[in-house]
């Protein structure tokens, strides 16, 4: 028995050990040989700190090459990688640590003291540090560890990662992803998008969710390609480096901001062969404007934390604006009637259900939710609404849930509403998504104030930012005398969305 995911990475690297894999502008580069040696040291350090096969290793570190090595070292140690957004507050992290019960947590050195109490309450055995500069106690431990490490044997169905995803009810749930899930998706995408060792990916995504970590990094590892690794998205820096790249993966926000940059020209994109967009809907207008400015058609794909990538527009053939293309090889996708689960014919709108090697194993410590989200024949109920047109292209119509995706980040409205409702002077609130050209969707709050309350829009936004990650704070707060309700007393969020759909529209 081998370590399925990392063994396939080894096989793909093959004889390319001396080639550069990771290039960080302004810093040293990593060859594939460096990646193998340094991830082995990390794995050795994790084991020395008591990490055993099946243990969870939580990472809430800023993006860096060392953070990427932590992911690979965790896999090699036979443990389960648990990436967490470093923007989460200590109060938010308390839930994730209590639920996942990681053996070891890695955080920024500046947060170690504040997190120590939270980690202790969650029975975390070890707390190591890793800064954005790559320094910390984890790096020190790895430097002192052996580069000779025998990858821990795992089965294809063993867990490689747990990613928390916001749902429509209750708290965030941990999606359990296996070695086979991640390997099959990387293999499919590398083949579908024609990635080879000659490709250079411009990587400006975060690495705490599936897009930046699994879609981008795993896929390039399977292609034995090179990554230009940026700490964050910056339009100037991306355009400066674009002549040295061949592929870019981003969220719609990247593309809308680049479209506003005068440096975006056909000449600037001459070396590029593929632009991929996902994590949120790309406006058809942005798709059209990008083609006109650059001569390239953005390739949209569709996936979610629980399924990895499920569909993609074709590499060859029409990349249809407003569509997410066709199911990946080996993936079955169907549209069902929400109430009866009957399979609907092409053209009709219903719930998207998928089945394939990409689909997760279930929700961590939540067998009831897992059972509720799978059909008896193995199809996963995504909760997204869509249709398949006459040509077989899949179109995402919306979500059967109220989940907001803003700039590629998931926001669960109930969590934001709970913070707003707890403020003095607030009677109630409703948080919805409204269309936004830059972020795809904007978190927007509608608030009813108590009589005589002087609460301002800035007061609400600042209060939310003190308790939750900044991306969850509403971009606008609208005060109403009352929230619209139906005959059963339920707040009609659809009425709010319709009435204020142009709130963020550009001024004529």
Protein backbone atom coordinates (compact mmCIF):
# COMPACT_ATOMS: atom_id res chain seq x y z
CA UNK A 1 0.00 0.00 0.00
CA UNK A 2 1.29 3.49 -0.88
CA UNK A 3 0.30 7.06 -0.11
CA UNK A 4 -2.09 7.44 -3.09
CA UNK A 5 -2.12 11.21 -3.60
CA UNK A 6 1.54 11.89 -2.99
CA UNK A 7 2.66 8.81 -4.90
CA UNK A 8 0.87 10.12 -7.96
CA UNK A 9 2.58 13.48 -7.49
CA UNK A 10 5.94 11.64 -7.33
CA UNK A 11 5.09 9.73 -10.49
CA UNK A 12 4.14 12.92 -12.35
CA UNK A 13 7.35 14.68 -11.31
CA UNK A 14 9.34 11.76 -12.70
CA UNK A 15 12.71 12.93 -13.99
CA UNK A 16 11.88 16.66 -13.62
CA UNK A 17 13.42 16.90 -10.14
CA UNK A 18 15.81 19.71 -11.10
CA UNK A 19 13.10 21.83 -12.71
CA UNK A 20 11.67 24.81 -10.84
CA UNK A 21 8.20 24.17 -9.45
CA UNK A 22 7.48 27.21 -7.30
CA UNK A 23 8.73 30.69 -7.97
CA UNK A 24 8.01 33.47 -5.48
CA UNK A 25 8.91 36.92 -6.87
CA UNK A 26 11.59 38.52 -4.72
CA UNK A 27 12.42 35.25 -2.95
CA UNK A 28 14.13 31.97 -3.69
CA UNK A 29 12.52 29.31 -5.87
CA UNK A 30 11.74 25.68 -5.13
CA UNK A 31 12.66 22.89 -7.52
CA UNK A 32 10.73 19.63 -7.48
CA UNK A 33 13.70 18.11 -5.64
CA UNK A 34 13.41 20.87 -3.01
CA UNK A 35 9.69 20.16 -2.72
CA UNK A 36 10.33 16.47 -2.07
CA UNK A 37 13.08 17.10 0.47
CA UNK A 38 11.42 19.96 2.35
CA UNK A 39 7.97 18.38 2.50
CA UNK A 40 9.70 15.28 3.91
CA UNK A 41 11.23 17.43 6.65
CA UNK A 42 7.81 18.89 7.45
CA UNK A 43 6.31 15.41 7.60
CA UNK A 44 9.10 14.32 9.95
CA UNK A 45 8.48 17.34 12.17
CA UNK A 46 4.75 16.65 12.32
CA UNK A 47 5.32 13.04 13.34
CA UNK A 48 7.83 14.17 15.96
CA UNK A 49 5.07 16.36 17.44
CA UNK A 50 2.77 13.39 17.80
CA UNK A 51 0.83 13.49 14.53
CA UNK A 52 -0.41 10.00 13.61
CA UNK A 53 -2.27 8.69 10.55
CA UNK A 54 -5.79 10.08 10.49
CA UNK A 55 -5.00 13.01 12.81
CA UNK A 56 -6.10 16.45 11.70
CA UNK A 57 -3.51 19.20 11.13
CA UNK A 58 -5.14 22.66 11.12
CA UNK A 59 -3.43 25.44 9.16
CA UNK A 60 -4.45 29.06 9.60
CA UNK A 61 -1.30 30.50 8.16
CA UNK A 62 -0.86 33.22 5.58
CA UNK A 63 0.01 32.18 2.04
CA UNK A 64 3.66 31.23 1.62
CA UNK A 65 5.75 28.43 0.08
CA UNK A 66 6.16 27.01 3.58
CA UNK A 67 2.37 26.87 4.02
CA UNK A 68 2.19 24.84 0.82
CA UNK A 69 4.89 22.50 2.13
CA UNK A 70 2.78 22.06 5.28
CA UNK A 71 -0.07 20.74 3.12
CA UNK A 72 2.18 18.27 1.32
CA UNK A 73 3.95 17.24 4.52
CA UNK A 74 0.59 16.56 6.17
CA UNK A 75 -0.42 14.29 3.28
CA UNK A 76 2.90 12.44 3.43
CA UNK A 77 2.50 11.94 7.18
CA UNK A 78 -0.83 10.21 6.55
CA UNK A 79 -2.71 12.97 8.38
CA UNK A 80 -5.72 15.04 7.30
CA UNK A 81 -5.11 18.62 6.19
CA UNK A 82 -7.52 21.21 7.61
CA UNK A 83 -6.98 24.62 5.95
CA UNK A 84 -8.69 27.54 7.69
CA UNK A 85 -9.00 31.15 6.59
CA UNK A 86 -6.43 33.16 8.60
CA UNK A 87 -8.90 36.07 8.62
CA UNK A 88 -11.19 34.13 10.98
CA UNK A 89 -11.38 35.57 14.47
CA UNK A 90 -10.52 33.55 17.56
CA UNK A 91 -14.25 33.25 18.30
CA UNK A 92 -14.86 31.72 14.88
CA UNK A 93 -11.87 29.38 15.14
CA UNK A 94 -13.11 28.04 18.46
CA UNK A 95 -15.93 26.27 16.64
CA UNK A 96 -13.72 24.71 13.95
CA UNK A 97 -11.14 23.45 16.44
CA UNK A 98 -13.78 22.03 18.76
CA UNK A 99 -15.48 20.25 15.86
CA UNK A 100 -12.41 18.92 14.00
CA UNK A 101 -10.32 18.27 17.14
CA UNK A 102 -6.97 18.63 15.35
CA UNK A 103 -3.89 17.09 16.87
CA UNK A 104 -1.78 20.05 15.81
CA UNK A 105 -2.52 23.67 14.84
CA UNK A 106 -0.23 25.98 12.88
CA UNK A 107 -0.87 29.72 13.15
CA UNK A 108 0.85 33.05 12.62
CA UNK A 109 3.35 33.85 15.38
CA UNK A 110 1.43 37.03 16.23
CA UNK A 111 -1.67 34.97 17.05
CA UNK A 112 -0.09 32.25 19.13
CA UNK A 113 -0.83 33.75 22.52
CA UNK A 114 -4.45 34.62 21.77
CA UNK A 115 -5.10 31.20 20.25
CA UNK A 116 -3.42 29.21 23.00
CA UNK A 117 -6.49 29.25 25.25
CA UNK A 118 -8.82 28.35 22.36
CA UNK A 119 -6.52 25.49 21.34
CA UNK A 120 -6.31 24.18 24.90
CA UNK A 121 -10.11 24.11 25.24
CA UNK A 122 -10.27 22.13 21.97
CA UNK A 123 -7.74 19.59 23.30
CA UNK A 124 -5.15 20.53 20.69
CA UNK A 125 -1.92 18.75 21.61
CA UNK A 126 0.54 21.04 19.83
CA UNK A 127 0.52 24.64 18.60
CA UNK A 128 3.24 25.66 16.13
CA UNK A 129 3.77 28.92 14.26
CA UNK A 130 4.34 29.94 10.65
CA UNK A 131 4.43 33.52 9.43
CA UNK A 132 3.86 34.97 5.97
CA UNK A 133 7.66 35.32 5.76
CA UNK A 134 8.02 31.55 6.17
CA UNK A 135 9.49 31.81 9.65
CA UNK A 136 8.18 30.17 12.78
CA UNK A 137 8.52 27.20 15.07
CA UNK A 138 7.25 24.84 12.34
CA UNK A 139 10.01 25.97 9.98
CA UNK A 140 12.60 25.60 12.74
CA UNK A 141 11.37 22.09 13.56
CA UNK A 142 11.41 21.10 9.88
CA UNK A 143 14.94 22.45 9.40
CA UNK A 144 16.14 20.22 12.23
CA UNK A 145 14.26 17.17 10.95
CA UNK A 146 15.41 14.47 8.55
CA UNK A 147 14.77 14.73 4.80
CA UNK A 148 14.57 10.94 4.72
CA UNK A 149 10.92 10.13 5.29
CA UNK A 150 8.92 7.08 4.24
CA UNK A 151 5.49 8.29 3.15
CA UNK A 152 2.79 6.85 5.40
CA UNK A 153 0.67 4.28 3.58
CA UNK A 154 -2.97 5.17 3.09
CA UNK A 155 -5.87 3.76 1.07
CA UNK A 156 -7.50 5.71 -1.78
CA UNK A 157 -10.65 6.10 0.35
CA UNK A 158 -8.75 7.49 3.35
CA UNK A 159 -9.18 11.18 4.08
CA UNK A 160 -6.63 13.66 2.76
CA UNK A 161 -8.40 16.88 3.77
CA UNK A 162 -11.38 18.36 5.53
CA UNK A 163 -12.66 21.68 4.21
CA UNK A 164 -15.39 23.52 6.08
CA UNK A 165 -18.24 24.80 3.99
CA UNK A 166 -21.18 26.99 4.90
CA UNK A 167 -24.58 25.43 4.32
CA UNK A 168 -28.12 26.70 4.47
CA UNK A 169 -28.87 25.72 8.05
CA UNK A 170 -26.82 25.23 11.19
CA UNK A 171 -23.09 25.67 11.56
CA UNK A 172 -20.35 25.17 8.99
CA UNK A 173 -19.80 21.53 8.05
CA UNK A 174 -16.55 19.71 7.35
CA UNK A 175 -16.47 18.15 3.88
CA UNK A 176 -14.33 15.00 3.97
CA UNK A 177 -12.16 14.68 0.85
CA UNK A 178 -10.24 11.49 0.14
CA UNK A 179 -6.94 10.83 -1.59
CA UNK A 180 -8.91 9.45 -4.54
CA UNK A 181 -11.17 12.53 -4.68
CA UNK A 182 -8.25 14.94 -4.97
CA UNK A 183 -6.13 12.78 -7.28
CA UNK A 184 -8.95 12.05 -9.73
CA UNK A 185 -9.90 15.71 -10.02
CA UNK A 186 -6.32 16.88 -10.56
CA UNK A 187 -5.82 14.23 -13.23
CA UNK A 188 -9.04 15.18 -15.05
CA UNK A 189 -8.35 18.91 -15.02
CA UNK A 190 -4.72 18.57 -16.11
CA UNK A 191 -5.84 16.53 -19.11
CA UNK A 192 -8.92 18.63 -19.94
CA UNK A 193 -7.06 21.94 -19.82
CA UNK A 194 -4.02 20.53 -21.67
CA UNK A 195 -1.60 21.36 -18.87
CA UNK A 196 1.99 20.19 -19.39
CA UNK A 197 5.43 20.70 -17.91
CA UNK A 198 5.79 23.71 -20.21
CA UNK A 199 2.97 25.59 -18.49
CA UNK A 200 3.48 28.39 -15.98
CA UNK A 201 0.53 29.21 -13.71
CA UNK A 202 0.07 32.73 -12.37
CA UNK A 203 -1.22 31.95 -8.87
CA UNK A 204 -2.80 34.85 -6.95
CA UNK A 205 -5.47 32.86 -5.10
CA UNK A 206 -5.52 32.05 -1.37
CA UNK A 207 -4.65 28.45 -0.49
CA UNK A 208 -7.15 27.77 2.28
CA UNK A 209 -9.92 26.57 -0.01
CA UNK A 210 -10.36 24.19 -2.91
CA UNK A 211 -9.75 26.64 -5.76
CA UNK A 212 -6.30 27.89 -4.86
CA UNK A 213 -5.07 24.69 -3.23
CA UNK A 214 -6.55 21.73 -5.04
CA UNK A 215 -7.62 23.10 -8.45
CA UNK A 216 -4.50 25.20 -8.89
CA UNK A 217 -1.65 23.52 -6.98
CA UNK A 218 -2.63 19.86 -7.32
CA UNK A 219 -3.37 20.24 -11.01
CA UNK A 220 0.00 21.87 -11.75
CA UNK A 221 1.75 19.19 -9.69
CA UNK A 222 0.05 16.53 -11.80
CA UNK A 223 1.25 18.35 -14.92
CA UNK A 224 4.77 18.88 -13.50
CA UNK A 225 4.36 22.54 -14.43
CA UNK A 226 5.64 25.71 -12.79
CA UNK A 227 3.80 28.14 -10.49
CA UNK A 228 4.50 31.84 -10.01
CA UNK A 229 3.28 32.16 -6.44
CA UNK A 230 1.94 35.60 -5.47
CA UNK A 231 0.97 36.40 -1.87
CA UNK A 232 -2.28 37.98 -3.03
CA UNK A 233 -3.97 39.39 -6.10
CA UNK A 234 -2.58 42.68 -7.35
CA UNK A 235 -3.55 43.84 -10.83
CA UNK A 236 -0.27 45.68 -11.45
CA UNK A 237 1.82 42.69 -10.39
CA UNK A 238 -0.27 40.20 -12.37
CA UNK A 239 0.11 42.26 -15.55
CA UNK A 240 3.83 42.64 -14.95
CA UNK A 241 4.27 38.88 -14.66
CA UNK A 242 1.73 37.81 -17.28
CA UNK A 243 4.27 37.74 -20.16
CA UNK A 244 6.10 34.97 -18.25
CA UNK A 245 2.98 32.86 -17.63
CA UNK A 246 0.75 30.68 -19.79
CA UNK A 247 -2.22 30.04 -17.46
CA UNK A 248 -4.14 32.05 -14.87
CA UNK A 249 -6.84 30.81 -12.51
CA UNK A 250 -8.95 33.39 -10.74
CA UNK A 251 -12.29 34.47 -9.36
CA UNK A 252 -14.48 36.96 -11.26
CA UNK A 253 -13.16 39.79 -9.08
CA UNK A 254 -9.69 39.29 -10.60
CA UNK A 255 -11.03 39.72 -14.10
CA UNK A 256 -13.24 42.73 -13.40
CA UNK A 257 -10.32 44.54 -11.76
CA UNK A 258 -7.95 43.68 -14.60
CA UNK A 259 -10.55 44.96 -17.08
CA UNK A 260 -10.35 48.34 -15.34
CA UNK A 261 -6.56 48.40 -15.80
CA UNK A 262 -5.24 50.27 -18.82
CA UNK A 263 -2.38 47.76 -19.07
CA UNK A 264 -4.70 44.92 -20.09
CA UNK A 265 -4.08 44.54 -23.82
CA UNK A 266 -3.70 41.78 -26.36
CA UNK A 267 0.05 42.33 -26.24
CA UNK A 268 0.11 41.87 -22.46
CA UNK A 269 -1.67 38.50 -22.86
CA UNK A 270 0.30 37.30 -25.88
CA UNK A 271 2.07 34.50 -23.97
CA UNK A 272 -1.10 33.30 -22.26
CA UNK A 273 -3.09 30.36 -23.55
CA UNK A 274 -5.74 29.89 -20.84
CA UNK A 275 -7.70 32.01 -18.37
CA UNK A 276 -9.92 30.07 -15.95
CA UNK A 277 -12.63 31.56 -13.73
CA UNK A 278 -14.60 29.99 -10.91
CA UNK A 279 -15.82 30.17 -7.29
CA UNK A 280 -18.54 32.66 -8.25
CA UNK A 281 -20.59 33.49 -11.36
CA UNK A 282 -18.81 35.50 -14.05
CA UNK A 283 -21.03 38.13 -15.63
CA UNK A 284 -21.64 37.60 -19.35
CA UNK A 285 -20.61 41.23 -19.80
CA UNK A 286 -17.21 40.52 -18.23
CA UNK A 287 -16.80 37.45 -20.46
CA UNK A 288 -17.53 39.55 -23.55
CA UNK A 289 -15.36 42.50 -22.52
CA UNK A 290 -12.42 40.18 -21.76
CA UNK A 291 -12.58 38.59 -25.19
CA UNK A 292 -12.70 41.99 -26.87
CA UNK A 293 -9.75 43.37 -24.88
CA UNK A 294 -7.47 40.32 -24.92
CA UNK A 295 -8.61 38.00 -27.69
CA UNK A 296 -9.06 35.20 -25.11
CA UNK A 297 -12.32 33.59 -24.02
CA UNK A 298 -12.35 32.95 -20.27
CA UNK A 299 -13.01 29.31 -19.42
CA UNK A 300 -15.64 29.02 -16.68
CA UNK A 301 -15.96 25.87 -14.61
CA UNK A 302 -18.21 24.79 -11.77
CA UNK A 303 -17.52 23.01 -8.55
CA UNK A 304 -17.97 23.21 -4.83
CA UNK A 305 -16.12 22.19 -1.71
CA UNK A 306 -17.96 18.87 -1.53
CA UNK A 307 -17.45 17.89 -5.16
CA UNK A 308 -14.17 19.46 -6.23
CA UNK A 309 -14.66 20.47 -9.88
CA UNK A 310 -17.70 19.03 -11.62
CA UNK A 311 -18.01 20.77 -14.98
CA UNK A 312 -15.88 22.84 -17.32
CA UNK A 313 -16.31 24.70 -20.54
CA UNK A 314 -14.31 23.00 -23.29
CA UNK A 315 -10.69 23.76 -24.06
CA UNK A 316 -11.49 23.30 -27.74
CA UNK A 317 -14.92 24.46 -28.82
CA UNK A 318 -17.18 27.27 -27.70
CA UNK A 319 -16.78 28.63 -24.18
CA UNK A 320 -20.30 29.80 -23.69
CA UNK A 321 -20.77 32.94 -21.60
CA UNK A 322 -23.14 32.30 -18.71
CA UNK A 323 -22.50 28.55 -18.86
CA UNK A 324 -20.16 26.31 -16.87
CA UNK A 325 -19.76 23.81 -19.69
CA UNK A 326 -20.02 20.04 -19.55
CA UNK A 327 -19.54 17.44 -16.81
CA UNK A 328 -15.94 16.28 -16.41
CA UNK A 329 -15.04 12.79 -17.67
CA UNK A 330 -16.38 10.18 -15.27
CA UNK A 331 -18.82 12.63 -13.63
CA UNK A 332 -22.57 12.17 -13.94
CA UNK A 333 -24.76 15.25 -13.58
CA UNK A 334 -28.53 15.47 -13.61
CA UNK A 335 -31.26 18.02 -12.92
CA UNK A 336 -34.07 17.00 -10.59
CA UNK A 337 -37.40 18.42 -9.48
CA UNK A 338 -36.87 19.95 -6.01
CA UNK A 339 -39.92 18.43 -4.35
CA UNK A 340 -40.18 15.00 -5.97
CA UNK A 341 -36.53 14.38 -7.01
CA UNK A 342 -37.81 13.30 -10.44
CA UNK A 343 -35.18 13.64 -13.18
CA UNK A 344 -36.03 16.59 -15.43
CA UNK A 345 -35.49 16.80 -19.19
CA UNK A 346 -33.07 19.23 -20.81
CA UNK A 347 -34.10 22.85 -20.65
CA UNK A 348 -35.98 22.61 -17.36
CA UNK A 349 -34.69 24.20 -14.17
CA UNK A 350 -34.16 22.08 -11.08
CA UNK A 351 -31.62 21.00 -8.49
CA UNK A 352 -28.18 19.92 -9.70
CA UNK A 353 -27.14 16.47 -8.50
CA UNK A 354 -23.75 14.90 -9.21
CA UNK A 355 -22.00 11.57 -8.85
CA UNK A 356 -18.40 10.57 -9.55
CA UNK A 357 -14.89 10.01 -8.19
CA UNK A 358 -14.68 13.72 -7.36
CA UNK A 359 -17.56 13.68 -4.87
CA UNK A 360 -16.65 13.82 -1.20
CA UNK A 361 -17.09 11.05 1.34
CA UNK A 362 -19.51 12.93 3.59
CA UNK A 363 -19.64 15.50 6.37
CA UNK A 364 -17.26 15.18 9.30
CA UNK A 365 -18.97 13.79 12.41
CA UNK A 366 -22.36 14.40 10.82
CA UNK A 367 -23.79 11.13 9.46
CA UNK A 368 -27.35 12.48 9.54
CA UNK A 369 -26.50 15.42 7.28
CA UNK A 370 -24.47 13.14 5.03
CA UNK A 371 -27.40 10.75 4.62
CA UNK A 372 -29.78 13.64 3.90
CA UNK A 373 -27.61 15.04 1.11
CA UNK A 374 -27.15 11.82 -0.88
CA UNK A 375 -29.73 9.97 -2.93
CA UNK A 376 -29.99 6.19 -2.53
CA UNK A 377 -28.24 5.76 -5.90
CA UNK A 378 -25.22 7.79 -4.73
CA UNK A 379 -25.97 11.18 -6.29
CA UNK A 380 -25.05 14.21 -4.17
CA UNK A 381 -27.68 16.96 -3.92
CA UNK A 382 -25.72 20.17 -4.49
CA UNK A 383 -28.49 22.60 -3.53
CA UNK A 384 -27.70 24.65 -6.64
CA UNK A 385 -30.37 25.30 -9.23
CA UNK A 386 -29.50 24.82 -12.88
CA UNK A 387 -30.49 23.53 -16.27
CA UNK A 388 -28.87 21.68 -19.15
CA UNK A 389 -29.49 23.26 -22.56
CA UNK A 390 -30.10 21.45 -25.83
CA UNK A 391 -26.37 21.35 -26.58
CA UNK A 392 -25.50 19.82 -23.20
CA UNK A 393 -24.06 22.95 -21.59
CA UNK A 394 -24.81 23.30 -17.89
CA UNK A 395 -26.15 26.65 -16.67
CA UNK A 396 -26.21 27.69 -13.01
CA UNK A 397 -29.44 29.58 -12.34
CA UNK A 398 -28.94 30.30 -8.68
CA UNK A 399 -28.86 28.54 -5.35
CA UNK A 400 -31.66 26.88 -3.54
CA UNK A 401 -30.02 28.31 -0.47
CA UNK A 402 -29.18 31.79 0.70
CA UNK A 403 -25.44 31.19 0.66
CA UNK A 404 -23.55 34.26 -0.54
CA UNK A 405 -20.36 33.97 -2.57
CA UNK A 406 -18.50 37.28 -2.54
CA UNK A 407 -15.12 37.52 -4.23
CA UNK A 408 -14.88 33.73 -4.12
CA UNK A 409 -15.56 33.55 -0.36
CA UNK A 410 -18.58 31.84 1.17
CA UNK A 411 -20.71 33.81 3.61
CA UNK A 412 -23.56 32.26 5.56
CA UNK A 413 -26.23 34.99 6.10
CA UNK A 414 -27.46 33.61 9.42
CA UNK A 415 -24.03 34.10 10.95
CA UNK A 416 -23.97 37.78 9.96
CA UNK A 417 -27.60 38.29 11.00
CA UNK A 418 -26.88 36.88 14.45
CA UNK A 419 -24.15 39.47 15.00
CA UNK A 420 -26.33 42.36 13.79
CA UNK A 421 -29.39 41.24 15.75
CA UNK A 422 -27.31 41.26 18.92
CA UNK A 423 -26.49 44.96 18.61
CA UNK A 424 -28.27 47.45 20.87
CA UNK A 425 -30.96 49.28 18.94
CA UNK A 426 -31.57 46.50 16.39
CA UNK A 427 -34.98 44.85 16.18
CA UNK A 428 -34.11 42.42 13.39
CA UNK A 429 -32.08 42.05 10.23
CA UNK A 430 -31.97 40.17 6.94
CA UNK A 431 -28.74 39.59 5.01
CA UNK A 432 -28.87 38.84 1.28
CA UNK A 433 -26.66 38.74 -1.80
CA UNK A 434 -27.00 41.48 -4.39
CA UNK A 435 -25.25 41.54 -7.78
CA UNK A 436 -21.88 43.30 -7.73
CA UNK A 437 -19.68 43.77 -10.79
CA UNK A 438 -16.45 43.39 -8.80
CA UNK A 439 -17.27 40.75 -6.18
CA UNK A 440 -19.96 38.81 -8.06
CA UNK A 441 -22.23 39.12 -5.06
CA UNK A 442 -22.17 41.68 -2.26
CA UNK A 443 -23.17 40.96 1.34
CA UNK A 444 -26.00 43.40 2.00
CA UNK A 445 -27.86 43.90 5.28
CA UNK A 446 -31.39 45.20 5.79
CA UNK A 447 -31.93 46.35 9.34
CA UNK A 448 -34.97 47.44 11.37
CA UNK A 449 -33.98 49.82 14.18
CA UNK A 450 -35.74 50.16 17.50
CA UNK A 451 -37.67 53.37 18.04
CA UNK A 452 -35.28 56.20 18.85
CA UNK A 453 -32.14 54.20 18.03
CA UNK A 454 -29.37 56.23 16.39
CA UNK A 455 -27.47 53.27 14.96
CA UNK A 456 -25.68 54.17 11.71
CA UNK A 457 -24.59 52.12 8.73
CA UNK A 458 -20.95 52.46 9.80
CA UNK A 459 -21.81 51.36 13.34
CA UNK A 460 -23.26 48.09 12.02
CA UNK A 461 -20.40 47.39 9.63
CA UNK A 462 -17.74 48.11 12.25
CA UNK A 463 -19.47 45.90 14.82
CA UNK A 464 -19.59 42.95 12.40
CA UNK A 465 -15.93 43.41 11.44
CA UNK A 466 -14.94 43.21 15.11
CA UNK A 467 -16.54 39.77 15.42
CA UNK A 468 -16.25 38.19 11.98
CA UNK A 469 -13.79 38.08 9.08
CA UNK A 470 -13.88 41.30 7.10
CA UNK A 471 -15.24 39.69 3.94
CA UNK A 472 -18.41 38.74 5.87
CA UNK A 473 -19.22 42.34 6.79
CA UNK A 474 -22.02 43.93 4.75
CA UNK A 475 -20.87 46.29 2.03
CA UNK A 476 -24.05 48.29 2.55
CA UNK A 477 -26.58 48.49 5.38
CA UNK A 478 -30.08 49.63 4.45
CA UNK A 479 -32.48 50.67 7.22
CA UNK A 480 -36.16 49.78 6.78
CA UNK A 481 -39.24 50.35 8.89
CA UNK A 482 -40.06 46.64 8.58
CA UNK A 483 -38.94 43.57 6.68
CA UNK A 484 -41.27 42.14 4.01
CA UNK A 485 -43.01 38.94 5.10
CA UNK A 486 -45.33 36.38 3.57
CA UNK A 487 -48.58 35.13 5.08
CA UNK A 488 -46.67 32.66 7.24
CA UNK A 489 -44.51 35.40 8.70
CA UNK A 490 -41.33 34.37 6.88
CA UNK A 491 -39.06 37.16 5.72
CA UNK A 492 -39.21 37.42 1.92
CA UNK A 493 -35.58 37.81 0.99
CA UNK A 494 -36.48 37.47 -2.67
CA UNK A 495 -38.50 40.71 -2.37
CA UNK A 496 -35.47 42.48 -0.90
CA UNK A 497 -33.22 41.18 -3.66
CA UNK A 498 -35.62 42.26 -6.39
CA UNK A 499 -36.31 45.71 -4.94
CA UNK A 500 -32.62 46.51 -4.46
CA UNK A 501 -31.04 44.53 -7.31
CA UNK A 502 -29.44 47.69 -8.79
CA UNK A 503 -27.96 48.97 -5.52
CA UNK A 504 -24.40 48.40 -6.70
CA UNK A 505 -24.98 49.16 -10.36
CA UNK A 506 -22.49 51.68 -11.82
CA UNK A 507 -23.82 55.21 -12.17
CA UNK A 508 -24.82 56.05 -15.74
